[in-house]
PDB file of N, CA and C in Angstrom:
ATOM      1  N   MET A   1       0.786  -1.167   0.000  1.00  0.00           N
ATOM      2  CA  MET A   1       0.000   0.000   0.000  1.00  0.00           C
ATOM      3  C   MET A   1       0.854   1.268   0.000  1.00  0.00           C
ATOM      4  N   PHE A   2       1.849   1.306   0.883  1.00  0.00           N
ATOM      5  CA  PHE A   2       2.751   2.452   0.925  1.00  0.00           C
ATOM      6  C   PHE A   2       3.453   2.622  -0.415  1.00  0.00           C
ATOM      7  N   GLN A   3       3.832   1.510  -0.985  1.00  0.00           N
ATOM      8  CA  GLN A   3       4.510   1.533  -2.278  1.00  0.00           C
ATOM      9  C   GLN A   3       3.551   2.023  -3.356  1.00  0.00           C
ATOM     10  N   ASP A   4       2.317   1.651  -3.302  1.00  0.00           N
ATOM     11  CA  ASP A   4       1.328   2.127  -4.272  1.00  0.00           C
ATOM     12  C   ASP A   4       1.124   3.632  -4.130  1.00  0.00           C
ATOM     13  N   ALA A   5       1.115   4.094  -2.887  1.00  0.00           N
ATOM     14  CA  ALA A   5       0.934   5.529  -2.641  1.00  0.00           C
ATOM     15  C   ALA A   5       2.138   6.304  -3.168  1.00  0.00           C
ATOM     16  N   VAL A   6       3.330   5.764  -2.986  1.00  0.00           N
ATOM     17  CA  VAL A   6       4.545   6.428  -3.480  1.00  0.00           C
ATOM     18  C   VAL A   6       4.536   6.436  -4.995  1.00  0.00           C
ATOM     19  N   GLN A   7       4.131   5.331  -5.605  1.00  0.00           N
ATOM     20  CA  GLN A   7       4.074   5.289  -7.076  1.00  0.00           C
ATOM     21  C   GLN A   7       3.018   6.261  -7.596  1.00  0.00           C
ATOM     22  N   GLU A   8       1.890   6.311  -6.867  1.00  0.00           N
ATOM     23  CA  GLU A   8       0.838   7.243  -7.292  1.00  0.00           C
ATOM     24  C   GLU A   8       1.320   8.692  -7.159  1.00  0.00           C
ATOM     25  N   GLN A   9       2.037   8.995  -6.095  1.00  0.00           N
ATOM     26  CA  GLN A   9       2.608  10.332  -5.906  1.00  0.00           C
ATOM     27  C   GLN A   9       3.614  10.634  -7.023  1.00  0.00           C
ATOM     28  N   GLY A  10       4.410   9.644  -7.408  1.00  0.00           N
ATOM     29  CA  GLY A  10       5.379   9.816  -8.495  1.00  0.00           C
ATOM     30  C   GLY A  10       4.675  10.077  -9.804  1.00  0.00           C
ATOM     31  N   LEU A  11       3.580   9.347 -10.047  1.00  0.00           N
ATOM     32  CA  LEU A  11       2.807   9.571 -11.271  1.00  0.00           C
ATOM     33  C   LEU A  11       2.174  10.961 -11.284  1.00  0.00           C
ATOM     34  N   ILE A  12       1.660  11.361 -10.150  1.00  0.00           N
ATOM     35  CA  ILE A  12       1.057  12.700 -10.053  1.00  0.00           C
ATOM     36  C   ILE A  12       2.125  13.760 -10.303  1.00  0.00           C
ATOM     37  N   ALA A  13       3.318  13.591  -9.710  1.00  0.00           N
ATOM     38  CA  ALA A  13       4.420  14.558  -9.908  1.00  0.00           C
ATOM     39  C   ALA A  13       4.842  14.601 -11.370  1.00  0.00           C
ATOM     40  N   LYS A  14       4.944  13.398 -11.971  1.00  0.00           N
ATOM     41  CA  LYS A  14       5.342  13.345 -13.381  1.00  0.00           C
ATOM     42  C   LYS A  14       4.270  13.989 -14.264  1.00  0.00           C
ATOM     43  N   THR A  15       2.995  13.726 -13.944  1.00  0.00           N
ATOM     44  CA  THR A  15       1.894  14.310 -14.718  1.00  0.00           C
ATOM     45  C   THR A  15       1.888  15.825 -14.570  1.00  0.00           C
ATOM     46  N   THR A  16       2.095  16.295 -13.349  1.00  0.00           N
ATOM     47  CA  THR A  16       2.143  17.742 -13.106  1.00  0.00           C
ATOM     48  C   THR A  16       3.310  18.357 -13.866  1.00  0.00           C
ATOM     49  N   LEU A  17       4.452  17.685 -13.808  1.00  0.00           N
ATOM     50  CA  LEU A  17       5.636  18.190 -14.523  1.00  0.00           C
ATOM     51  C   LEU A  17       5.387  18.212 -16.025  1.00  0.00           C
ATOM     52  N   MET A  18       4.776  17.153 -16.546  1.00  0.00           N
ATOM     53  CA  MET A  18       4.482  17.111 -17.988  1.00  0.00           C
ATOM     54  C   MET A  18       3.467  18.191 -18.366  1.00  0.00           C
ATOM     55  N   GLN A  19       2.494  18.418 -17.477  1.00  0.00           N
ATOM     56  CA  GLN A  19       1.498  19.459 -17.751  1.00  0.00           C
ATOM     57  C   GLN A  19       2.174  20.832 -17.760  1.00  0.00           C
ATOM     58  N   GLN A  20       3.089  21.073 -16.824  1.00  0.00           N
ATOM     59  CA  GLN A  20       3.810  22.348 -16.776  1.00  0.00           C
ATOM     60  C   GLN A  20       4.662  22.529 -18.028  1.00  0.00           C
ATOM     61  N   ARG A  21       5.321  21.481 -18.445  1.00  0.00           N
ATOM     62  CA  ARG A  21       6.138  21.556 -19.659  1.00  0.00           C
ATOM     63  C   ARG A  21       5.248  21.825 -20.877  1.00  0.00           C
ATOM     64  N   SER A  22       4.113  21.145 -20.922  1.00  0.00           N
ATOM     65  CA  SER A  22       3.180  21.343 -22.034  1.00  0.00           C
ATOM     66  C   SER A  22       2.677  22.783 -22.063  1.00  0.00           C
ATOM     67  N   ASP A  23       2.319  23.312 -20.883  1.00  0.00           N
ATOM     68  CA  ASP A  23       1.861  24.703 -20.801  1.00  0.00           C
ATOM     69  C   ASP A  23       2.989  25.658 -21.198  1.00  0.00           C
ATOM     70  N   GLY A  24       4.203  25.355 -20.762  1.00  0.00           N
ATOM     71  CA  GLY A  24       5.357  26.181 -21.128  1.00  0.00           C
ATOM     72  C   GLY A  24       5.599  26.176 -22.631  1.00  0.00           C
ATOM     73  N   LEU A  25       5.495  25.006 -23.243  1.00  0.00           N
ATOM     74  CA  LEU A  25       5.678  24.914 -24.699  1.00  0.00           C
ATOM     75  C   LEU A  25       4.574  25.659 -25.450  1.00  0.00           C
ATOM     76  N   LYS A  26       3.335  25.554 -24.954  1.00  0.00           N
ATOM     77  CA  LYS A  26       2.232  26.298 -25.583  1.00  0.00           C
ATOM     78  C   LYS A  26       2.463  27.805 -25.468  1.00  0.00           C
ATOM     79  N   ASP A  27       2.930  28.239 -24.281  1.00  0.00           N
ATOM     80  CA  ASP A  27       3.226  29.666 -24.082  1.00  0.00           C
ATOM     81  C   ASP A  27       4.359  30.104 -25.000  1.00  0.00           C
ATOM     82  N   LEU A  28       5.393  29.268 -25.106  1.00  0.00           N
ATOM     83  CA  LEU A  28       6.520  29.584 -25.990  1.00  0.00           C
ATOM     84  C   LEU A  28       6.056  29.652 -27.443  1.00  0.00           C
ATOM     85  N   GLU A  29       5.189  28.704 -27.840  1.00  0.00           N
ATOM     86  CA  GLU A  29       4.661  28.705 -29.206  1.00  0.00           C
ATOM     87  C   GLU A  29       3.845  29.981 -29.468  1.00  0.00           C
ATOM     88  N   LYS A  30       3.055  30.377 -28.482  1.00  0.00           N
ATOM     89  CA  LYS A  30       2.246  31.611 -28.620  1.00  0.00           C
ATOM     90  C   LYS A  30       3.153  32.834 -28.762  1.00  0.00           C
ATOM     91  N   ARG A  31       4.186  32.908 -27.946  1.00  0.00           N
ATOM     92  CA  ARG A  31       5.110  34.057 -28.002  1.00  0.00           C
ATOM     93  C   ARG A  31       5.883  34.087 -29.319  1.00  0.00           C
ATOM     94  N   MET A  32       6.273  32.913 -29.784  1.00  0.00           N
ATOM     95  CA  MET A  32       6.984  32.862 -31.067  1.00  0.00           C
ATOM     96  C   MET A  32       6.065  33.281 -32.204  1.00  0.00           C
ATOM     97  N   SER A  33       4.808  32.917 -32.124  1.00  0.00           N
ATOM     98  CA  SER A  33       3.831  33.326 -33.134  1.00  0.00           C
ATOM     99  C   SER A  33       3.664  34.848 -33.112  1.00  0.00           C
ATOM    100  N   GLU A  34       3.586  35.426 -31.910  1.00  0.00           N
ATOM    101  CA  GLU A  34       3.489  36.888 -31.781  1.00  0.00           C
ATOM    102  C   GLU A  34       4.749  37.557 -32.333  1.00  0.00           C
ATOM    103  N   LEU A  35       5.906  36.985 -32.029  1.00  0.00           N
ATOM    104  CA  LEU A  35       7.174  37.531 -32.528  1.00  0.00           C
ATOM    105  C   LEU A  35       7.223  37.464 -34.051  1.00  0.00           C
ATOM    106  N   HIS A  36       6.745  36.358 -34.620  1.00  0.00           N
ATOM    107  CA  HIS A  36       6.689  36.219 -36.069  1.00  0.00           C
ATOM    108  C   HIS A  36       5.785  37.306 -36.667  1.00  0.00           C
ATOM    109  N   GLU A  37       4.666  37.569 -36.016  1.00  0.00           N
ATOM    110  CA  GLU A  37       3.746  38.615 -36.489  1.00  0.00           C
ATOM    111  C   GLU A  37       4.408  39.990 -36.444  1.00  0.00           C
ATOM    112  N   VAL A  38       5.145  40.264 -35.369  1.00  0.00           N
ATOM    113  CA  VAL A  38       5.853  41.550 -35.253  1.00  0.00           C
ATOM    114  C   VAL A  38       6.867  41.691 -36.384  1.00  0.00           C
ATOM    115  N   PHE A  39       7.648  40.644 -36.638  1.00  0.00           N
ATOM    116  CA  PHE A  39       8.647  40.716 -37.706  1.00  0.00           C
ATOM    117  C   PHE A  39       7.988  40.845 -39.079  1.00  0.00           C
ATOM    118  N   SER A  40       6.845  40.190 -39.265  1.00  0.00           N
ATOM    119  CA  SER A  40       6.123  40.329 -40.540  1.00  0.00           C
ATOM    120  C   SER A  40       5.648  41.764 -40.727  1.00  0.00           C
ATOM    121  N   ASP A  41       5.111  42.358 -39.663  1.00  0.00           N
ATOM    122  CA  ASP A  41       4.677  43.760 -39.734  1.00  0.00           C
ATOM    123  C   ASP A  41       5.853  44.685 -40.028  1.00  0.00           C
ATOM    124  N   MET A  42       6.993  44.407 -39.383  1.00  0.00           N
ATOM    125  CA  MET A  42       8.179  45.227 -39.622  1.00  0.00           C
ATOM    126  C   MET A  42       8.647  45.100 -41.064  1.00  0.00           C
ATOM    127  N   ALA A  43       8.570  43.902 -41.612  1.00  0.00           N
ATOM    128  CA  ALA A  43       8.990  43.699 -43.002  1.00  0.00           C
ATOM    129  C   ALA A  43       8.112  44.511 -43.951  1.00  0.00           C
ATOM    130  N   VAL A  44       6.809  44.531 -43.678  1.00  0.00           N
ATOM    131  CA  VAL A  44       5.895  45.331 -44.517  1.00  0.00           C
ATOM    132  C   VAL A  44       6.235  46.810 -44.386  1.00  0.00           C
ATOM    133  N   LEU A  45       6.440  47.273 -43.158  1.00  0.00           N
ATOM    134  CA  LEU A  45       6.775  48.687 -42.944  1.00  0.00           C
ATOM    135  C   LEU A  45       8.080  49.062 -43.623  1.00  0.00           C
ATOM    136  N   ILE A  46       9.069  48.204 -43.519  1.00  0.00           N
ATOM    137  CA  ILE A  46      10.366  48.481 -44.151  1.00  0.00           C
ATOM    138  C   ILE A  46      10.213  48.546 -45.664  1.00  0.00           C
ATOM    139  N   LYS A  47       9.418  47.658 -46.218  1.00  0.00           N
ATOM    140  CA  LYS A  47       9.204  47.668 -47.667  1.00  0.00           C
ATOM    141  C   LYS A  47       8.526  48.963 -48.093  1.00  0.00           C
ATOM    142  N   VAL A  48       7.494  49.390 -47.351  1.00  0.00           N
ATOM    143  CA  VAL A  48       6.786  50.638 -47.675  1.00  0.00           C
ATOM    144  C   VAL A  48       7.722  51.834 -47.514  1.00  0.00           C
ATOM    145  N   GLN A  49       8.467  51.860 -46.401  1.00  0.00           N
ATOM    146  CA  GLN A  49       9.386  52.975 -46.166  1.00  0.00           C
ATOM    147  C   GLN A  49      10.494  52.991 -47.206  1.00  0.00           C
ATOM    148  N   GLY A  50      10.924  51.810 -47.641  1.00  0.00           N
ATOM    149  CA  GLY A  50      11.959  51.745 -48.679  1.00  0.00           C
ATOM    150  C   GLY A  50      11.483  52.407 -49.962  1.00  0.00           C
ATOM    151  N   LYS A  51      10.219  52.189 -50.314  1.00  0.00           N
ATOM    152  CA  LYS A  51       9.674  52.850 -51.507  1.00  0.00           C
ATOM    153  C   LYS A  51       9.658  54.355 -51.324  1.00  0.00           C
ATOM    154  N   HIS A  52       9.260  54.824 -50.133  1.00  0.00           N
ATOM    155  CA  HIS A  52       9.238  56.259 -49.871  1.00  0.00           C
ATOM    156  C   HIS A  52      10.645  56.847 -49.916  1.00  0.00           C
ATOM    157  N   ILE A  53      11.598  56.143 -49.351  1.00  0.00           N
ATOM    158  CA  ILE A  53      12.988  56.621 -49.370  1.00  0.00           C
ATOM    159  C   ILE A  53      13.492  56.692 -50.804  1.00  0.00           C
ATOM    160  N   TYR A  54      13.159  55.687 -51.601  1.00  0.00           N
ATOM    161  CA  TYR A  54      13.563  55.691 -53.005  1.00  0.00           C
ATOM    162  C   TYR A  54      12.940  56.877 -53.727  1.00  0.00           C
ATOM    163  N   ASP A  55      11.659  57.166 -53.466  1.00  0.00           N
ATOM    164  CA  ASP A  55      10.993  58.308 -54.099  1.00  0.00           C
ATOM    165  C   ASP A  55      11.650  59.621 -53.680  1.00  0.00           C
ATOM    166  N   VAL A  56      11.960  59.753 -52.396  1.00  0.00           N
ATOM    167  CA  VAL A  56      12.618  60.977 -51.907  1.00  0.00           C
ATOM    168  C   VAL A  56      13.992  61.121 -52.557  1.00  0.00           C
ATOM    169  N   GLU A  57      14.724  60.026 -52.648  1.00  0.00           N
ATOM    170  CA  GLU A  57      16.056  60.057 -53.265  1.00  0.00           C
ATOM    171  C   GLU A  57      15.965  60.509 -54.719  1.00  0.00           C
ATOM    172  N   ASN A  58      14.979  59.991 -55.445  1.00  0.00           N
ATOM    173  CA  ASN A  58      14.800  60.404 -56.846  1.00  0.00           C
ATOM    174  C   ASN A  58      14.454  61.881 -56.946  1.00  0.00           C
ATOM    175  N   GLN A  59      13.604  62.370 -56.062  1.00  0.00           N
ATOM    176  CA  GLN A  59      13.234  63.785 -56.085  1.00  0.00           C
ATOM    177  C   GLN A  59      14.442  64.674 -55.791  1.00  0.00           C
ATOM    178  N   VAL A  60      15.278  64.245 -54.857  1.00  0.00           N
ATOM    179  CA  VAL A  60      16.486  65.016 -54.528  1.00  0.00           C
ATOM    180  C   VAL A  60      17.424  65.046 -55.736  1.00  0.00           C
ATOM    181  N   GLU A  61      17.599  63.907 -56.384  1.00  0.00           N
ATOM    182  CA  GLU A  61      18.472  63.860 -57.564  1.00  0.00           C
ATOM    183  C   GLU A  61      17.936  64.758 -58.671  1.00  0.00           C
ATOM    184  N   LYS A  62      16.620  64.746 -58.881  1.00  0.00           N
ATOM    185  CA  LYS A  62      16.029  65.609 -59.907  1.00  0.00           C
ATOM    186  C   LYS A  62      16.221  67.076 -59.552  1.00  0.00           C
ATOM    187  N   ALA A  63      16.030  67.407 -58.282  1.00  0.00           N
ATOM    188  CA  ALA A  63      16.184  68.798 -57.850  1.00  0.00           C
ATOM    189  C   ALA A  63      17.623  69.272 -58.023  1.00  0.00           C
ATOM    190  N   ILE A  64      18.559  68.399 -57.696  1.00  0.00           N
ATOM    191  CA  ILE A  64      19.974  68.774 -57.832  1.00  0.00           C
ATOM    192  C   ILE A  64      20.345  68.944 -59.293  1.00  0.00           C
ATOM    193  N   SER A  65      19.963  67.985 -60.120  1.00  0.00           N
ATOM    194  CA  SER A  65      20.323  68.091 -61.533  1.00  0.00           C
ATOM    195  C   SER A  65      19.578  69.245 -62.196  1.00  0.00           C
ATOM    196  N   GLY A  66      18.335  69.490 -61.777  1.00  0.00           N
ATOM    197  CA  GLY A  66      17.580  70.607 -62.343  1.00  0.00           C
ATOM    198  C   GLY A  66      18.070  71.952 -61.830  1.00  0.00           C
ATOM    199  N   GLY A  67      18.642  71.979 -60.641  1.00  0.00           N
ATOM    200  CA  GLY A  67      19.115  73.235 -60.054  1.00  0.00           C
ATOM    201  C   GLY A  67      20.478  73.668 -60.562  1.00  0.00           C
ATOM    202  N   THR A  68      21.299  72.729 -60.961  1.00  0.00           N
ATOM    203  CA  THR A  68      22.635  73.101 -61.417  1.00  0.00           C
ATOM    204  C   THR A  68      22.617  73.695 -62.824  1.00  0.00           C
ATOM    205  N   GLN A  69      21.653  73.300 -63.642  1.00  0.00           N
ATOM    206  CA  GLN A  69      21.590  73.824 -65.013  1.00  0.00           C
ATOM    207  C   GLN A  69      21.316  75.326 -65.033  1.00  0.00           C
ATOM    208  N   PRO A  70      20.319  75.846 -64.288  1.00  0.00           N
ATOM    209  CA  PRO A  70      20.120  77.289 -64.270  1.00  0.00           C
ATOM    210  C   PRO A  70      21.338  78.042 -63.733  1.00  0.00           C
ATOM    211  N   LEU A  71      22.042  77.440 -62.774  1.00  0.00           N
ATOM    212  CA  LEU A  71      23.247  78.092 -62.259  1.00  0.00           C
ATOM    213  C   LEU A  71      24.322  78.172 -63.338  1.00  0.00           C
ATOM    214  N   ALA A  72      24.455  77.125 -64.110  1.00  0.00           N
ATOM    215  CA  ALA A  72      25.436  77.130 -65.197  1.00  0.00           C
ATOM    216  C   ALA A  72      25.052  78.165 -66.248  1.00  0.00           C
ATOM    217  N   ASN A  73      23.756  78.317 -66.502  1.00  0.00           N
ATOM    218  CA  ASN A  73      23.303  79.325 -67.466  1.00  0.00           C
ATOM    219  C   ASN A  73      23.478  80.738 -66.926  1.00  0.00           C
ATOM    220  N   ALA A  74      23.389  80.921 -65.622  1.00  0.00           N
ATOM    221  CA  ALA A  74      23.482  82.252 -65.027  1.00  0.00           C
ATOM    222  C   ALA A  74      24.920  82.772 -64.974  1.00  0.00           C
ATOM    223  N   LYS A  75      25.883  81.887 -64.978  1.00  0.00           N
ATOM    224  CA  LYS A  75      27.284  82.298 -64.848  1.00  0.00           C
ATOM    225  C   LYS A  75      27.721  83.258 -65.962  1.00  0.00           C
ATOM    226  N   PRO A  76      27.451  82.977 -67.239  1.00  0.00           N
ATOM    227  CA  PRO A  76      27.844  83.934 -68.281  1.00  0.00           C
ATOM    228  C   PRO A  76      27.110  85.275 -68.155  1.00  0.00           C
ATOM    229  N   HIS A  77      25.846  85.223 -67.740  1.00  0.00           N
ATOM    230  CA  HIS A  77      25.090  86.463 -67.555  1.00  0.00           C
ATOM    231  C   HIS A  77      25.691  87.312 -66.443  1.00  0.00           C
ATOM    232  N   LYS A  78      26.156  86.663 -65.398  1.00  0.00           N
ATOM    233  CA  LYS A  78      26.785  87.379 -64.294  1.00  0.00           C
ATOM    234  C   LYS A  78      28.038  88.092 -64.772  1.00  0.00           C
ATOM    235  N   ARG A  79      28.855  87.402 -65.549  1.00  0.00           N
ATOM    236  CA  ARG A  79      30.080  87.974 -66.085  1.00  0.00           C
ATOM    237  C   ARG A  79      29.753  89.166 -66.994  1.00  0.00           C
ATOM    238  N   CYS A  80      28.733  88.988 -67.838  1.00  0.00           N
ATOM    239  CA  CYS A  80      28.321  90.043 -68.761  1.00  0.00           C
ATOM    240  C   CYS A  80      27.808  91.258 -67.987  1.00  0.00           C
ATOM    241  N   THR A  81      27.055  91.023 -66.921  1.00  0.00           N
ATOM    242  CA  THR A  81      26.521  92.118 -66.108  1.00  0.00           C
ATOM    243  C   THR A  81      27.653  92.878 -65.431  1.00  0.00           C
ATOM    244  N   ARG A  82      28.646  92.190 -64.929  1.00  0.00           N
ATOM    245  CA  ARG A  82      29.799  92.857 -64.313  1.00  0.00           C
ATOM    246  C   ARG A  82      30.498  93.758 -65.331  1.00  0.00           C
ATOM    247  N   THR A  83      30.670  93.258 -66.530  1.00  0.00           N
ATOM    248  CA  THR A  83      31.335  94.041 -67.575  1.00  0.00           C
ATOM    249  C   THR A  83      30.541  95.303 -67.878  1.00  0.00           C
ATOM    250  N   ARG A  84      29.230  95.169 -67.992  1.00  0.00           N
ATOM    251  CA  ARG A  84      28.379  96.338 -68.269  1.00  0.00           C
ATOM    252  C   ARG A  84      28.457  97.371 -67.150  1.00  0.00           C
ATOM    253  N   ILE A  85      28.425  96.899 -65.913  1.00  0.00           N
ATOM    254  CA  ILE A  85      28.521  97.827 -64.777  1.00  0.00           C
ATOM    255  C   ILE A  85      29.860  98.547 -64.800  1.00  0.00           C
ATOM    256  N   LEU A  86      30.931  97.833 -65.092  1.00  0.00           N
ATOM    257  CA  LEU A  86      32.256  98.449 -65.161  1.00  0.00           C
ATOM    258  C   LEU A  86      32.299  99.516 -66.261  1.00  0.00           C
ATOM    259  N   ILE A  87      31.723  99.224 -67.405  1.00  0.00           N
ATOM    260  CA  ILE A  87      31.699 100.190 -68.518  1.00  0.00           C
ATOM    261  C   ILE A  87      30.910 101.431 -68.113  1.00  0.00           C
ATOM    262  N   VAL A  88      29.757 101.249 -67.464  1.00  0.00           N
ATOM    263  CA  VAL A  88      28.939 102.391 -67.040  1.00  0.00           C
ATOM    264  C   VAL A  88      29.702 103.241 -66.029  1.00  0.00           C
ATOM    265  N   VAL A  89      30.399 102.606 -65.077  1.00  0.00           N
ATOM    266  CA  VAL A  89      31.174 103.355 -64.079  1.00  0.00           C
ATOM    267  C   VAL A  89      32.289 104.144 -64.762  1.00  0.00           C
ATOM    268  N   ILE A  90      32.975 103.537 -65.712  1.00  0.00           N
ATOM    269  CA  ILE A  90      34.053 104.237 -66.430  1.00  0.00           C
ATOM    270  C   ILE A  90      33.485 105.429 -67.202  1.00  0.00           C
ATOM    271  N   ILE A  91      32.349 105.246 -67.848  1.00  0.00           N
ATOM    272  CA  ILE A  91      31.727 106.353 -68.602  1.00  0.00           C
ATOM    273  C   ILE A  91      31.346 107.482 -67.656  1.00  0.00           C
ATOM    274  N   ILE A  92      30.777 107.160 -66.494  1.00  0.00           N
ATOM    275  CA  ILE A  92      30.405 108.198 -65.523  1.00  0.00           C
ATOM    276  C   ILE A  92      31.639 108.944 -65.039  1.00  0.00           C
ATOM    277  N   ILE A  93      32.721 108.225 -64.785  1.00  0.00           N
ATOM    278  CA  ILE A  93      33.965 108.872 -64.344  1.00  0.00           C
ATOM    279  C   ILE A  93      34.490 109.794 -65.442  1.00  0.00           C
ATOM    280  N   LEU A  94      34.496 109.317 -66.693  1.00  0.00           N
ATOM    281  CA  LEU A  94      34.970 110.159 -67.802  1.00  0.00           C
ATOM    282  C   LEU A  94      34.113 111.418 -67.956  1.00  0.00           C
ATOM    283  N   ILE A  95      32.801 111.269 -67.877  1.00  0.00           N
ATOM    284  CA  ILE A  95      31.913 112.438 -67.993  1.00  0.00           C
ATOM    285  C   ILE A  95      32.168 113.405 -66.848  1.00  0.00           C
ATOM    286  N   SER A  96      32.373 112.869 -65.624  1.00  0.00           N
ATOM    287  CA  SER A  96      32.664 113.738 -64.477  1.00  0.00           C
ATOM    288  C   SER A  96      33.966 114.501 -64.681  1.00  0.00           C
ATOM    289  N   VAL A  97      34.993 113.811 -65.157  1.00  0.00           N
ATOM    290  CA  VAL A  97      36.284 114.469 -65.409  1.00  0.00           C
ATOM    291  C   VAL A  97      36.130 115.543 -66.477  1.00  0.00           C
ATOM    292  N   ILE A  98      35.410 115.218 -67.558  1.00  0.00           N
ATOM    293  CA  ILE A  98      35.198 116.200 -68.641  1.00  0.00           C
ATOM    294  C   ILE A  98      34.430 117.402 -68.110  1.00  0.00           C
ATOM    295  N   LEU A  99      33.414 117.186 -67.290  1.00  0.00           N
ATOM    296  CA  LEU A  99      32.631 118.308 -66.742  1.00  0.00           C
ATOM    297  C   LEU A  99      33.482 119.177 -65.819  1.00  0.00           C
ATOM    298  N   ILE A 100      34.323 118.535 -65.011  1.00  0.00           N
ATOM    299  CA  ILE A 100      35.192 119.318 -64.113  1.00  0.00           C
ATOM    300  C   ILE A 100      36.171 120.154 -64.924  1.00  0.00           C
ATOM    301  N   ILE A 101      36.770 119.554 -65.937  1.00  0.00           N
ATOM    302  CA  ILE A 101      37.727 120.295 -66.783  1.00  0.00           C
ATOM    303  C   ILE A 101      37.009 121.439 -67.493  1.00  0.00           C
ATOM    304  N   GLU A 102      35.845 121.162 -68.028  1.00  0.00           N
ATOM    305  CA  GLU A 102      35.083 122.192 -68.752  1.00  0.00           C
ATOM    306  C   GLU A 102      34.659 123.307 -67.804  1.00  0.00           C
ATOM    307  N   ARG A 103      34.278 122.967 -66.584  1.00  0.00           N
ATOM    308  CA  ARG A 103      33.876 123.989 -65.611  1.00  0.00           C
ATOM    309  C   ARG A 103      35.055 124.899 -65.286  1.00  0.00           C
ATOM    310  N   LYS A 104      36.224 124.309 -65.099  1.00  0.00           N
ATOM    311  CA  LYS A 104      37.419 125.119 -64.819  1.00  0.00           C
ATOM    312  C   LYS A 104      37.724 126.035 -66.000  1.00  0.00           C
ATOM    313  N   ARG A 105      37.553 125.517 -67.222  1.00  0.00           N
ATOM    314  CA  ARG A 105      37.803 126.314 -68.409  1.00  0.00           C
ATOM    315  C   ARG A 105      36.832 127.483 -68.520  1.00  0.00           C
ATOM    316  N   VAL A 106      35.562 127.190 -68.217  1.00  0.00           N
ATOM    317  CA  VAL A 106      34.555 128.256 -68.280  1.00  0.00           C
ATOM    318  C   VAL A 106      34.838 129.299 -67.211  1.00  0.00           C
ATOM    319  N   LEU A 107      35.156 128.844 -65.996  1.00  0.00           N
ATOM    320  CA  LEU A 107      35.454 129.797 -64.921  1.00  0.00           C
ATOM    321  C   LEU A 107      36.710 130.613 -65.244  1.00  0.00           C
ATOM    322  N   LYS A 108      37.684 129.996 -65.849  1.00  0.00           N
ATOM    323  CA  LYS A 108      38.911 130.697 -66.219  1.00  0.00           C
ATOM    324  C   LYS A 108      38.602 131.725 -67.307  1.00  0.00           C
ATOM    325  N   PHE A 109      37.689 131.393 -68.227  1.00  0.00           N
ATOM    326  CA  PHE A 109      37.305 132.310 -69.294  1.00  0.00           C
ATOM    327  C   PHE A 109      36.551 133.508 -68.724  1.00  0.00           C
ATOM    328  N   LEU A 110      35.674 133.226 -67.732  1.00  0.00           N
ATOM    329  CA  LEU A 110      34.871 134.324 -67.151  1.00  0.00           C
ATOM    330  C   LEU A 110      35.713 135.171 -66.216  1.00  0.00           C
ATOM    331  N   ASN A 111      36.660 134.631 -65.529  1.00  0.00           N
ATOM    332  CA  ASN A 111      37.528 135.361 -64.616  1.00  0.00           C
ATOM    333  C   ASN A 111      38.986 135.136 -65.028  1.00  0.00           C
ATOM    334  N   PRO A 112      39.480 135.858 -65.993  1.00  0.00           N
ATOM    335  CA  PRO A 112      40.815 135.579 -66.499  1.00  0.00           C
ATOM    336  C   PRO A 112      41.938 135.836 -65.493  1.00  0.00           C
ATOM    337  N   GLY A 113      41.774 136.667 -64.521  1.00  0.00           N
ATOM    338  CA  GLY A 113      42.847 136.970 -63.589  1.00  0.00           C
ATOM    339  C   GLY A 113      42.892 136.015 -62.407  1.00  0.00           C
ATOM    340  N   HIS A 114      41.922 135.280 -62.235  1.00  0.00           N
ATOM    341  CA  HIS A 114      41.824 134.371 -61.095  1.00  0.00           C
ATOM    342  C   HIS A 114      42.324 132.971 -61.490  1.00  0.00           C
ATOM    343  N   SER A 115      43.117 132.317 -60.607  1.00  0.00           N
ATOM    344  CA  SER A 115      43.615 130.970 -60.956  1.00  0.00           C
ATOM    345  C   SER A 115      42.744 129.882 -60.271  1.00  0.00           C
ATOM    346  N   TYR A 116      42.501 128.860 -61.027  1.00  0.00           N
ATOM    347  CA  TYR A 116      41.678 127.745 -60.506  1.00  0.00           C
ATOM    348  C   TYR A 116      42.443 126.491 -60.502  1.00  0.00           C
TER     349      TYR A 116
END
């Protein structure tokens, strides 16, 4: 009888242990399934974001290539504008010098005894 009780206790312990292991495996399976779902969601998000990143990259490349052409076209105009400004400044200086010389000549003509 004592031996039967010990064997029954051993069977109960083994059954309890097997039940705990079974519950642990079910819990592990559930967690792995949840983890798989998380990774699947991340894969979808990465794929969508990758498309957006590719679109942004293409837009940046278009903007850069489209922006450098007007700058290249503007460079000769800038040089030409500088030349024109320089010519206008030289003409203004020459006219000023001519006016000053002419004014001195007129004043000298009107006041012959006075030196300017």
